[in-house]
Amino acid sequence: MPMVIFRLRNDSLYCYIAKQDMEAKVTELEHNHPQRWGGRVCLEGGKTYYVEPQPAVPTFPISLRATRSEL
């Protein structure tokens, strides 16, 4: 499971994948509500990851474990 770092930049959410030394803009997030955040994360370029849903929107930047999504 790679470690990913989510951060806000210019009102957009970005994901940095440390193992690949790659940063991409998040284009879609499965759960983006005040009481639930995370799930399937789609990135610019077509890669998709899954992060365990959090009970609330986290404070950014945040580091989380992610798995490759085959969806």
PDB file of N, CA and C in Angstrom:
ATOM      1  N   MET A   1       0.834  -1.180   0.000  1.00  0.00           N
ATOM      2  CA  MET A   1       0.000   0.000   0.000  1.00  0.00           C
ATOM      3  C   MET A   1       0.879   1.245   0.000  1.00  0.00           C
ATOM      4  N   PRO A   2       0.758   2.069  -1.031  1.00  0.00           N
ATOM      5  CA  PRO A   2       1.570   3.283  -1.041  1.00  0.00           C
ATOM      6  C   PRO A   2       1.033   4.326  -0.072  1.00  0.00           C
ATOM      7  N   MET A   3       1.922   5.174   0.383  1.00  0.00           N
ATOM      8  CA  MET A   3       1.546   6.310   1.218  1.00  0.00           C
ATOM      9  C   MET A   3       1.242   7.467   0.274  1.00  0.00           C
ATOM     10  N   VAL A   4       0.117   8.117   0.474  1.00  0.00           N
ATOM     11  CA  VAL A   4      -0.244   9.270  -0.351  1.00  0.00           C
ATOM     12  C   VAL A   4      -0.473  10.479   0.553  1.00  0.00           C
ATOM     13  N   ILE A   5      -0.214  11.644   0.011  1.00  0.00           N
ATOM     14  CA  ILE A   5      -0.400  12.877   0.749  1.00  0.00           C
ATOM     15  C   ILE A   5      -1.392  13.730  -0.029  1.00  0.00           C
ATOM     16  N   PHE A   6      -2.464  14.116   0.629  1.00  0.00           N
ATOM     17  CA  PHE A   6      -3.458  14.994   0.024  1.00  0.00           C
ATOM     18  C   PHE A   6      -3.214  16.409   0.527  1.00  0.00           C
ATOM     19  N   ARG A   7      -3.287  17.377  -0.398  1.00  0.00           N
ATOM     20  CA  ARG A   7      -3.140  18.772   0.000  1.00  0.00           C
ATOM     21  C   ARG A   7      -3.970  19.657  -0.908  1.00  0.00           C
ATOM     22  N   LEU A   8      -4.339  20.801  -0.386  1.00  0.00           N
ATOM     23  CA  LEU A   8      -5.095  21.782  -1.154  1.00  0.00           C
ATOM     24  C   LEU A   8      -4.122  22.782  -1.759  1.00  0.00           C
ATOM     25  N   ARG A   9      -4.364  23.117  -3.029  1.00  0.00           N
ATOM     26  CA  ARG A   9      -3.571  24.124  -3.710  1.00  0.00           C
ATOM     27  C   ARG A   9      -4.507  24.857  -4.661  1.00  0.00           C
ATOM     28  N   ASN A  10      -4.622  26.172  -4.516  1.00  0.00           N
ATOM     29  CA  ASN A  10      -5.501  26.983  -5.366  1.00  0.00           C
ATOM     30  C   ASN A  10      -6.925  26.430  -5.393  1.00  0.00           C
ATOM     31  N   ASP A  11      -7.444  26.067  -4.239  1.00  0.00           N
ATOM     32  CA  ASP A  11      -8.809  25.535  -4.092  1.00  0.00           C
ATOM     33  C   ASP A  11      -9.037  24.192  -4.789  1.00  0.00           C
ATOM     34  N   SER A  12      -7.975  23.505  -5.179  1.00  0.00           N
ATOM     35  CA  SER A  12      -8.082  22.172  -5.775  1.00  0.00           C
ATOM     36  C   SER A  12      -7.351  21.177  -4.887  1.00  0.00           C
ATOM     37  N   LEU A  13      -7.837  19.947  -4.867  1.00  0.00           N
ATOM     38  CA  LEU A  13      -7.222  18.892  -4.073  1.00  0.00           C
ATOM     39  C   LEU A  13      -6.221  18.138  -4.935  1.00  0.00           C
ATOM     40  N   TYR A  14      -5.016  17.952  -4.412  1.00  0.00           N
ATOM     41  CA  TYR A  14      -3.957  17.224  -5.105  1.00  0.00           C
ATOM     42  C   TYR A  14      -3.528  16.037  -4.269  1.00  0.00           C
ATOM     43  N   CYS A  15      -3.052  15.001  -4.944  1.00  0.00           N
ATOM     44  CA  CYS A  15      -2.586  13.783  -4.298  1.00  0.00           C
ATOM     45  C   CYS A  15      -1.153  13.523  -4.731  1.00  0.00           C
ATOM     46  N   TYR A  16      -0.251  13.378  -3.763  1.00  0.00           N
ATOM     47  CA  TYR A  16       1.143  13.054  -4.042  1.00  0.00           C
ATOM     48  C   TYR A  16       1.351  11.597  -3.656  1.00  0.00           C
ATOM     49  N   ILE A  17       1.819  10.779  -4.606  1.00  0.00           N
ATOM     50  CA  ILE A  17       2.090   9.369  -4.359  1.00  0.00           C
ATOM     51  C   ILE A  17       3.596   9.221  -4.190  1.00  0.00           C
ATOM     52  N   ALA A  18       4.014   9.018  -2.948  1.00  0.00           N
ATOM     53  CA  ALA A  18       5.438   9.010  -2.621  1.00  0.00           C
ATOM     54  C   ALA A  18       6.202   7.912  -3.356  1.00  0.00           C
ATOM     55  N   LYS A  19       5.621   6.736  -3.448  1.00  0.00           N
ATOM     56  CA  LYS A  19       6.311   5.606  -4.066  1.00  0.00           C
ATOM     57  C   LYS A  19       6.634   5.857  -5.541  1.00  0.00           C
ATOM     58  N   GLN A  20       5.819   6.674  -6.209  1.00  0.00           N
ATOM     59  CA  GLN A  20       6.014   6.966  -7.630  1.00  0.00           C
ATOM     60  C   GLN A  20       6.555   8.371  -7.869  1.00  0.00           C
ATOM     61  N   ASP A  21       6.747   9.145  -6.799  1.00  0.00           N
ATOM     62  CA  ASP A  21       7.182  10.532  -6.896  1.00  0.00           C
ATOM     63  C   ASP A  21       6.329  11.278  -7.926  1.00  0.00           C
ATOM     64  N   MET A  22       5.002  11.168  -7.760  1.00  0.00           N
ATOM     65  CA  MET A  22       4.060  11.745  -8.705  1.00  0.00           C
ATOM     66  C   MET A  22       2.992  12.532  -7.952  1.00  0.00           C
ATOM     67  N   GLU A  23       2.651  13.707  -8.473  1.00  0.00           N
ATOM     68  CA  GLU A  23       1.556  14.477  -7.920  1.00  0.00           C
ATOM     69  C   GLU A  23       0.527  14.694  -9.025  1.00  0.00           C
ATOM     70  N   ALA A  24      -0.747  14.534  -8.691  1.00  0.00           N
ATOM     71  CA  ALA A  24      -1.819  14.711  -9.669  1.00  0.00           C
ATOM     72  C   ALA A  24      -3.026  15.336  -8.994  1.00  0.00           C
ATOM     73  N   LYS A  25      -3.787  16.054  -9.779  1.00  0.00           N
ATOM     74  CA  LYS A  25      -5.012  16.677  -9.296  1.00  0.00           C
ATOM     75  C   LYS A  25      -6.096  15.618  -9.129  1.00  0.00           C
ATOM     76  N   VAL A  26      -6.826  15.691  -8.036  1.00  0.00           N
ATOM     77  CA  VAL A  26      -7.948  14.782  -7.795  1.00  0.00           C
ATOM     78  C   VAL A  26      -9.119  15.273  -8.643  1.00  0.00           C
ATOM     79  N   THR A  27      -9.620  14.390  -9.509  1.00  0.00           N
ATOM     80  CA  THR A  27     -10.741  14.761 -10.380  1.00  0.00           C
ATOM     81  C   THR A  27     -12.080  14.287  -9.844  1.00  0.00           C
ATOM     82  N   GLU A  28     -12.056  13.254  -8.992  1.00  0.00           N
ATOM     83  CA  GLU A  28     -13.296  12.727  -8.419  1.00  0.00           C
ATOM     84  C   GLU A  28     -12.986  12.069  -7.089  1.00  0.00           C
ATOM     85  N   LEU A  29     -13.879  12.268  -6.132  1.00  0.00           N
ATOM     86  CA  LEU A  29     -13.736  11.689  -4.800  1.00  0.00           C
ATOM     87  C   LEU A  29     -15.069  11.075  -4.428  1.00  0.00           C
ATOM     88  N   GLU A  30     -15.059   9.792  -4.087  1.00  0.00           N
ATOM     89  CA  GLU A  30     -16.309   9.071  -3.808  1.00  0.00           C
ATOM     90  C   GLU A  30     -17.115   9.716  -2.686  1.00  0.00           C
ATOM     91  N   HIS A  31     -16.482  10.030  -1.567  1.00  0.00           N
ATOM     92  CA  HIS A  31     -17.170  10.639  -0.422  1.00  0.00           C
ATOM     93  C   HIS A  31     -16.494  11.970  -0.107  1.00  0.00           C
ATOM     94  N   ASN A  32     -17.234  13.037  -0.256  1.00  0.00           N
ATOM     95  CA  ASN A  32     -16.697  14.362   0.045  1.00  0.00           C
ATOM     96  C   ASN A  32     -17.771  15.174   0.763  1.00  0.00           C
ATOM     97  N   HIS A  33     -18.146  14.674   1.941  1.00  0.00           N
ATOM     98  CA  HIS A  33     -19.198  15.278   2.751  1.00  0.00           C
ATOM     99  C   HIS A  33     -18.616  15.616   4.125  1.00  0.00           C
ATOM    100  N   PRO A  34     -19.225  16.557   4.845  1.00  0.00           N
ATOM    101  CA  PRO A  34     -18.707  16.907   6.175  1.00  0.00           C
ATOM    102  C   PRO A  34     -18.615  15.709   7.130  1.00  0.00           C
ATOM    103  N   GLN A  35     -19.485  14.706   6.974  1.00  0.00           N
ATOM    104  CA  GLN A  35     -19.466  13.562   7.888  1.00  0.00           C
ATOM    105  C   GLN A  35     -18.779  12.319   7.316  1.00  0.00           C
ATOM    106  N   ARG A  36     -18.259  12.396   6.086  1.00  0.00           N
ATOM    107  CA  ARG A  36     -17.547  11.252   5.496  1.00  0.00           C
ATOM    108  C   ARG A  36     -16.685  11.733   4.338  1.00  0.00           C
ATOM    109  N   TRP A  37     -15.407  11.300   4.325  1.00  0.00           N
ATOM    110  CA  TRP A  37     -14.473  11.738   3.295  1.00  0.00           C
ATOM    111  C   TRP A  37     -13.579  10.563   2.910  1.00  0.00           C
ATOM    112  N   GLY A  38     -13.356  10.373   1.608  1.00  0.00           N
ATOM    113  CA  GLY A  38     -12.445   9.321   1.139  1.00  0.00           C
ATOM    114  C   GLY A  38     -13.116   8.375   0.171  1.00  0.00           C
ATOM    115  N   GLY A  39     -12.703   7.100   0.210  1.00  0.00           N
ATOM    116  CA  GLY A  39     -13.224   6.101  -0.721  1.00  0.00           C
ATOM    117  C   GLY A  39     -12.412   6.098  -2.008  1.00  0.00           C
ATOM    118  N   ARG A  40     -13.096   5.934  -3.128  1.00  0.00           N
ATOM    119  CA  ARG A  40     -12.420   5.885  -4.430  1.00  0.00           C
ATOM    120  C   ARG A  40     -11.964   7.291  -4.825  1.00  0.00           C
ATOM    121  N   VAL A  41     -10.690   7.401  -5.201  1.00  0.00           N
ATOM    122  CA  VAL A  41     -10.095   8.674  -5.580  1.00  0.00           C
ATOM    123  C   VAL A  41      -9.600   8.556  -7.020  1.00  0.00           C
ATOM    124  N   CYS A  42     -10.153   9.371  -7.918  1.00  0.00           N
ATOM    125  CA  CYS A  42      -9.728   9.382  -9.321  1.00  0.00           C
ATOM    126  C   CYS A  42      -8.794  10.567  -9.528  1.00  0.00           C
ATOM    127  N   LEU A  43      -7.671  10.303 -10.210  1.00  0.00           N
ATOM    128  CA  LEU A  43      -6.672  11.340 -10.447  1.00  0.00           C
ATOM    129  C   LEU A  43      -6.593  11.703 -11.919  1.00  0.00           C
ATOM    130  N   GLU A  44      -6.083  12.901 -12.179  1.00  0.00           N
ATOM    131  CA  GLU A  44      -5.790  13.313 -13.537  1.00  0.00           C
ATOM    132  C   GLU A  44      -4.864  12.277 -14.154  1.00  0.00           C
ATOM    133  N   GLY A  45      -5.093  11.900 -15.372  1.00  0.00           N
ATOM    134  CA  GLY A  45      -4.266  10.889 -16.009  1.00  0.00           C
ATOM    135  C   GLY A  45      -4.875   9.507 -15.936  1.00  0.00           C
ATOM    136  N   GLY A  46      -5.977   9.349 -15.191  1.00  0.00           N
ATOM    137  CA  GLY A  46      -6.698   8.091 -15.177  1.00  0.00           C
ATOM    138  C   GLY A  46      -6.404   7.112 -14.058  1.00  0.00           C
ATOM    139  N   LYS A  47      -5.432   7.380 -13.199  1.00  0.00           N
ATOM    140  CA  LYS A  47      -5.164   6.448 -12.097  1.00  0.00           C
ATOM    141  C   LYS A  47      -6.255   6.572 -11.041  1.00  0.00           C
ATOM    142  N   THR A  48      -6.562   5.440 -10.424  1.00  0.00           N
ATOM    143  CA  THR A  48      -7.590   5.398  -9.386  1.00  0.00           C
ATOM    144  C   THR A  48      -7.037   4.680  -8.165  1.00  0.00           C
ATOM    145  N   TYR A  49      -7.274   5.258  -6.994  1.00  0.00           N
ATOM    146  CA  TYR A  49      -6.842   4.675  -5.730  1.00  0.00           C
ATOM    147  C   TYR A  49      -8.028   4.614  -4.784  1.00  0.00           C
ATOM    148  N   TYR A  50      -7.846   3.887  -3.703  1.00  0.00           N
ATOM    149  CA  TYR A  50      -8.877   3.792  -2.672  1.00  0.00           C
ATOM    150  C   TYR A  50      -8.234   4.103  -1.330  1.00  0.00           C
ATOM    151  N   VAL A  51      -8.825   5.060  -0.615  1.00  0.00           N
ATOM    152  CA  VAL A  51      -8.397   5.353   0.757  1.00  0.00           C
ATOM    153  C   VAL A  51      -9.572   5.063   1.676  1.00  0.00           C
ATOM    154  N   GLU A  52      -9.279   4.520   2.811  1.00  0.00           N
ATOM    155  CA  GLU A  52     -10.321   4.191   3.787  1.00  0.00           C
ATOM    156  C   GLU A  52     -11.088   5.460   4.136  1.00  0.00           C
ATOM    157  N   PRO A  53     -12.419   5.440   4.036  1.00  0.00           N
ATOM    158  CA  PRO A  53     -13.204   6.635   4.355  1.00  0.00           C
ATOM    159  C   PRO A  53     -12.939   7.125   5.781  1.00  0.00           C
ATOM    160  N   GLN A  54     -12.808   8.439   5.890  1.00  0.00           N
ATOM    161  CA  GLN A  54     -12.571   9.103   7.167  1.00  0.00           C
ATOM    162  C   GLN A  54     -13.914   9.592   7.712  1.00  0.00           C
ATOM    163  N   PRO A  55     -14.053   9.725   9.035  1.00  0.00           N
ATOM    164  CA  PRO A  55     -15.336  10.132   9.618  1.00  0.00           C
ATOM    165  C   PRO A  55     -15.703  11.599   9.376  1.00  0.00           C
ATOM    166  N   ALA A  56     -14.773  12.395   8.864  1.00  0.00           N
ATOM    167  CA  ALA A  56     -15.027  13.808   8.565  1.00  0.00           C
ATOM    168  C   ALA A  56     -13.989  14.271   7.553  1.00  0.00           C
ATOM    169  N   VAL A  57     -14.201  15.438   6.986  1.00  0.00           N
ATOM    170  CA  VAL A  57     -13.207  16.001   6.080  1.00  0.00           C
ATOM    171  C   VAL A  57     -11.957  16.312   6.904  1.00  0.00           C
ATOM    172  N   PRO A  58     -10.797  15.789   6.507  1.00  0.00           N
ATOM    173  CA  PRO A  58      -9.585  15.999   7.300  1.00  0.00           C
ATOM    174  C   PRO A  58      -9.004  17.397   7.108  1.00  0.00           C
ATOM    175  N   THR A  59      -8.077  17.731   7.968  1.00  0.00           N
ATOM    176  CA  THR A  59      -7.305  18.955   7.822  1.00  0.00           C
ATOM    177  C   THR A  59      -6.139  18.631   6.894  1.00  0.00           C
ATOM    178  N   PHE A  60      -5.956  19.426   5.861  1.00  0.00           N
ATOM    179  CA  PHE A  60      -4.903  19.171   4.879  1.00  0.00           C
ATOM    180  C   PHE A  60      -3.672  19.991   5.201  1.00  0.00           C
ATOM    181  N   PRO A  61      -2.484  19.487   4.914  1.00  0.00           N
ATOM    182  CA  PRO A  61      -2.186  18.204   4.257  1.00  0.00           C
ATOM    183  C   PRO A  61      -2.371  17.030   5.216  1.00  0.00           C
ATOM    184  N   ILE A  62      -2.648  15.861   4.626  1.00  0.00           N
ATOM    185  CA  ILE A  62      -2.816  14.635   5.399  1.00  0.00           C
ATOM    186  C   ILE A  62      -2.181  13.471   4.636  1.00  0.00           C
ATOM    187  N   SER A  63      -1.519  12.582   5.362  1.00  0.00           N
ATOM    188  CA  SER A  63      -0.916  11.377   4.776  1.00  0.00           C
ATOM    189  C   SER A  63      -1.789  10.175   5.111  1.00  0.00           C
ATOM    190  N   LEU A  64      -2.107   9.381   4.091  1.00  0.00           N
ATOM    191  CA  LEU A  64      -2.944   8.199   4.274  1.00  0.00           C
ATOM    192  C   LEU A  64      -2.398   7.055   3.437  1.00  0.00           C
ATOM    193  N   ARG A  65      -2.741   5.838   3.810  1.00  0.00           N
ATOM    194  CA  ARG A  65      -2.415   4.658   2.997  1.00  0.00           C
ATOM    195  C   ARG A  65      -3.481   4.496   1.926  1.00  0.00           C
ATOM    196  N   ALA A  66      -3.064   4.065   0.747  1.00  0.00           N
ATOM    197  CA  ALA A  66      -4.003   3.874  -0.354  1.00  0.00           C
ATOM    198  C   ALA A  66      -3.719   2.551  -1.043  1.00  0.00           C
ATOM    199  N   THR A  67      -4.747   2.010  -1.665  1.00  0.00           N
ATOM    200  CA  THR A  67      -4.574   0.813  -2.482  1.00  0.00           C
ATOM    201  C   THR A  67      -4.972   1.166  -3.900  1.00  0.00           C
ATOM    202  N   ARG A  68      -4.403   0.444  -4.847  1.00  0.00           N
ATOM    203  CA  ARG A  68      -4.771   0.651  -6.258  1.00  0.00           C
ATOM    204  C   ARG A  68      -6.180   0.134  -6.447  1.00  0.00           C
ATOM    205  N   SER A  69      -7.013   0.922  -7.086  1.00  0.00           N
ATOM    206  CA  SER A  69      -8.383   0.520  -7.357  1.00  0.00           C
ATOM    207  C   SER A  69      -8.454  -0.023  -8.771  1.00  0.00           C
ATOM    208  N   GLU A  70      -9.123  -1.130  -8.944  1.00  0.00           N
ATOM    209  CA  GLU A  70      -9.262  -1.750 -10.250  1.00  0.00           C
ATOM    210  C   GLU A  70     -10.599  -1.411 -10.881  1.00  0.00           C
ATOM    211  N   LEU A  71     -11.293  -0.409 -10.363  1.00  0.00           N
ATOM    212  CA  LEU A  71     -12.607  -0.013 -10.871  1.00  0.00           C
ATOM    213  C   LEU A  71     -12.502   0.721 -12.177  1.00  0.00           C
TER     214      LEU A  71
END
